[in-house]
């Protein structure tokens, strides 16, 4: 798999964050099996698809916290979290603060 295909997969995920992008959907988009995409994605990116998706979701949520006045619950649902609490747990694990604290900083 070429670097360009990996870059295409990355862009596809980033552009579909609010739609709950799955490995199956992404692999269908680039025309390879989910198993092959998963292996090559990990080889090139140094993380699994699931880890990359979680990172992208948190990064997008952090951006929205800083650039919008949207409710934290709305941001959580937008990026596939089941509740504001699940976003808060994921957020605290990476950013070492709550979404509310991050927004105020």
C-alpha atoms as a PDB file:
ATOM      1  CA  UNK A   1       0.000   0.000   0.000  1.00  0.00           C
ATOM      2  CA  UNK A   2       1.380   3.397  -0.948  1.00  0.00           C
ATOM      3  CA  UNK A   3       1.950   6.347   1.349  1.00  0.00           C
ATOM      4  CA  UNK A   4      -0.593   8.236  -0.751  1.00  0.00           C
ATOM      5  CA  UNK A   5      -3.234   5.624   0.085  1.00  0.00           C
ATOM      6  CA  UNK A   6      -2.433   5.949   3.792  1.00  0.00           C
ATOM      7  CA  UNK A   7      -2.735   9.734   3.485  1.00  0.00           C
ATOM      8  CA  UNK A   8      -6.056   9.268   1.693  1.00  0.00           C
ATOM      9  CA  UNK A   9      -7.284   7.048   4.541  1.00  0.00           C
ATOM     10  CA  UNK A  10      -6.203   9.628   7.142  1.00  0.00           C
ATOM     11  CA  UNK A  11      -7.986  12.449   5.297  1.00  0.00           C
ATOM     12  CA  UNK A  12     -11.085  10.302   4.881  1.00  0.00           C
ATOM     13  CA  UNK A  13     -11.258   9.668   8.631  1.00  0.00           C
ATOM     14  CA  UNK A  14     -10.715  13.353   9.441  1.00  0.00           C
ATOM     15  CA  UNK A  15     -13.452  14.368   6.994  1.00  0.00           C
ATOM     16  CA  UNK A  16     -15.976  11.842   8.342  1.00  0.00           C
ATOM     17  CA  UNK A  17     -15.521  12.193  12.119  1.00  0.00           C
ATOM     18  CA  UNK A  18     -19.096  13.289  12.723  1.00  0.00           C
ATOM     19  CA  UNK A  19     -20.418  10.260  10.819  1.00  0.00           C
ATOM     20  CA  UNK A  20     -18.850   7.564  13.001  1.00  0.00           C
ATOM     21  CA  UNK A  21     -16.273   6.318  10.495  1.00  0.00           C
ATOM     22  CA  UNK A  22     -15.588   2.601  10.697  1.00  0.00           C
ATOM     23  CA  UNK A  23     -12.610   0.605   9.509  1.00  0.00           C
ATOM     24  CA  UNK A  24     -14.948  -1.210   7.129  1.00  0.00           C
ATOM     25  CA  UNK A  25     -16.179   2.069   5.609  1.00  0.00           C
ATOM     26  CA  UNK A  26     -12.657   3.429   5.248  1.00  0.00           C
ATOM     27  CA  UNK A  27     -11.333   0.241   3.673  1.00  0.00           C
ATOM     28  CA  UNK A  28     -14.248   0.182   1.253  1.00  0.00           C
ATOM     29  CA  UNK A  29     -13.421   3.763   0.277  1.00  0.00           C
ATOM     30  CA  UNK A  30      -9.819   2.901  -0.633  1.00  0.00           C
ATOM     31  CA  UNK A  31     -10.669  -0.499  -2.134  1.00  0.00           C
ATOM     32  CA  UNK A  32      -8.839  -2.856   0.219  1.00  0.00           C
ATOM     33  CA  UNK A  33      -9.984  -5.360   2.821  1.00  0.00           C
ATOM     34  CA  UNK A  34     -10.429  -4.165   6.408  1.00  0.00           C
ATOM     35  CA  UNK A  35      -7.765  -6.632   7.567  1.00  0.00           C
ATOM     36  CA  UNK A  36      -5.201  -5.342   5.052  1.00  0.00           C
ATOM     37  CA  UNK A  37      -6.028  -1.691   5.775  1.00  0.00           C
ATOM     38  CA  UNK A  38      -5.753  -2.292   9.502  1.00  0.00           C
ATOM     39  CA  UNK A  39      -2.329  -3.908   9.187  1.00  0.00           C
ATOM     40  CA  UNK A  40      -0.949  -1.281   6.805  1.00  0.00           C
ATOM     41  CA  UNK A  41      -2.461   1.581   8.781  1.00  0.00           C
ATOM     42  CA  UNK A  42      -0.730   0.373  11.937  1.00  0.00           C
ATOM     43  CA  UNK A  43       2.531  -0.212  10.071  1.00  0.00           C
ATOM     44  CA  UNK A  44       2.596   3.316   8.622  1.00  0.00           C
ATOM     45  CA  UNK A  45       0.943   5.295  11.426  1.00  0.00           C
ATOM     46  CA  UNK A  46       2.402   3.511  14.448  1.00  0.00           C
ATOM     47  CA  UNK A  47      -1.041   3.095  15.975  1.00  0.00           C
ATOM     48  CA  UNK A  48      -4.186   1.141  15.291  1.00  0.00           C
ATOM     49  CA  UNK A  49      -7.131   2.552  13.387  1.00  0.00           C
ATOM     50  CA  UNK A  50      -9.090   2.637  16.642  1.00  0.00           C
ATOM     51  CA  UNK A  51      -6.345   4.603  18.416  1.00  0.00           C
ATOM     52  CA  UNK A  52      -6.092   7.043  15.510  1.00  0.00           C
ATOM     53  CA  UNK A  53      -9.862   7.530  15.450  1.00  0.00           C
ATOM     54  CA  UNK A  54      -9.912   8.225  19.202  1.00  0.00           C
ATOM     55  CA  UNK A  55      -7.088  10.750  18.793  1.00  0.00           C
ATOM     56  CA  UNK A  56      -8.888  12.504  15.931  1.00  0.00           C
ATOM     57  CA  UNK A  57     -12.159  12.638  17.858  1.00  0.00           C
ATOM     58  CA  UNK A  58     -10.473  14.206  20.883  1.00  0.00           C
ATOM     59  CA  UNK A  59      -8.537  16.689  18.765  1.00  0.00           C
ATOM     60  CA  UNK A  60     -11.714  17.760  16.980  1.00  0.00           C
ATOM     61  CA  UNK A  61     -13.605  18.040  20.277  1.00  0.00           C
ATOM     62  CA  UNK A  62     -10.785  20.161  21.738  1.00  0.00           C
ATOM     63  CA  UNK A  63     -10.907  22.462  18.721  1.00  0.00           C
ATOM     64  CA  UNK A  64     -14.675  22.859  19.083  1.00  0.00           C
ATOM     65  CA  UNK A  65     -14.305  23.621  22.790  1.00  0.00           C
ATOM     66  CA  UNK A  66     -11.964  26.489  21.944  1.00  0.00           C
ATOM     67  CA  UNK A  67     -13.725  27.826  18.858  1.00  0.00           C
ATOM     68  CA  UNK A  68     -17.444  27.407  19.593  1.00  0.00           C
ATOM     69  CA  UNK A  69     -19.878  28.005  22.418  1.00  0.00           C
ATOM     70  CA  UNK A  70     -21.563  24.649  21.789  1.00  0.00           C
ATOM     71  CA  UNK A  71     -22.594  22.653  24.837  1.00  0.00           C
ATOM     72  CA  UNK A  72     -20.140  19.968  25.890  1.00  0.00           C
ATOM     73  CA  UNK A  73     -22.887  17.375  25.485  1.00  0.00           C
ATOM     74  CA  UNK A  74     -23.462  18.486  21.885  1.00  0.00           C
ATOM     75  CA  UNK A  75     -19.739  18.258  21.147  1.00  0.00           C
ATOM     76  CA  UNK A  76     -19.609  14.809  22.743  1.00  0.00           C
ATOM     77  CA  UNK A  77     -22.471  13.499  20.606  1.00  0.00           C
ATOM     78  CA  UNK A  78     -21.065  15.154  17.467  1.00  0.00           C
ATOM     79  CA  UNK A  79     -17.894  13.084  17.711  1.00  0.00           C
ATOM     80  CA  UNK A  80     -19.463   9.779  18.673  1.00  0.00           C
ATOM     81  CA  UNK A  81     -19.309   9.810  22.466  1.00  0.00           C
ATOM     82  CA  UNK A  82     -22.341   8.331  24.197  1.00  0.00           C
ATOM     83  CA  UNK A  83     -22.448  11.093  26.817  1.00  0.00           C
ATOM     84  CA  UNK A  84     -20.613  14.143  28.074  1.00  0.00           C
ATOM     85  CA  UNK A  85     -19.202  11.908  30.819  1.00  0.00           C
ATOM     86  CA  UNK A  86     -17.572   9.570  28.304  1.00  0.00           C
ATOM     87  CA  UNK A  87     -16.004  12.564  26.542  1.00  0.00           C
ATOM     88  CA  UNK A  88     -14.836  13.912  29.910  1.00  0.00           C
ATOM     89  CA  UNK A  89     -13.138  10.598  30.808  1.00  0.00           C
ATOM     90  CA  UNK A  90     -11.380  10.350  27.438  1.00  0.00           C
ATOM     91  CA  UNK A  91     -10.460  14.026  27.523  1.00  0.00           C
ATOM     92  CA  UNK A  92      -9.014  13.869  31.044  1.00  0.00           C
ATOM     93  CA  UNK A  93      -6.884  10.852  30.142  1.00  0.00           C
ATOM     94  CA  UNK A  94      -5.148  12.797  27.369  1.00  0.00           C
ATOM     95  CA  UNK A  95      -5.372  16.492  28.297  1.00  0.00           C
ATOM     96  CA  UNK A  96      -5.249  16.026  32.110  1.00  0.00           C
ATOM     97  CA  UNK A  97      -8.231  18.332  32.607  1.00  0.00           C
ATOM     98  CA  UNK A  98     -11.955  18.358  31.973  1.00  0.00           C
ATOM     99  CA  UNK A  99     -13.457  19.767  28.775  1.00  0.00           C
ATOM    100  CA  UNK A 100     -14.859  22.649  30.829  1.00  0.00           C
ATOM    101  CA  UNK A 101     -11.428  23.481  32.268  1.00  0.00           C
ATOM    102  CA  UNK A 102      -9.859  23.227  28.812  1.00  0.00           C
ATOM    103  CA  UNK A 103     -12.405  25.649  27.401  1.00  0.00           C
ATOM    104  CA  UNK A 104     -11.715  28.201  30.158  1.00  0.00           C
ATOM    105  CA  UNK A 105      -7.913  27.977  29.861  1.00  0.00           C
END
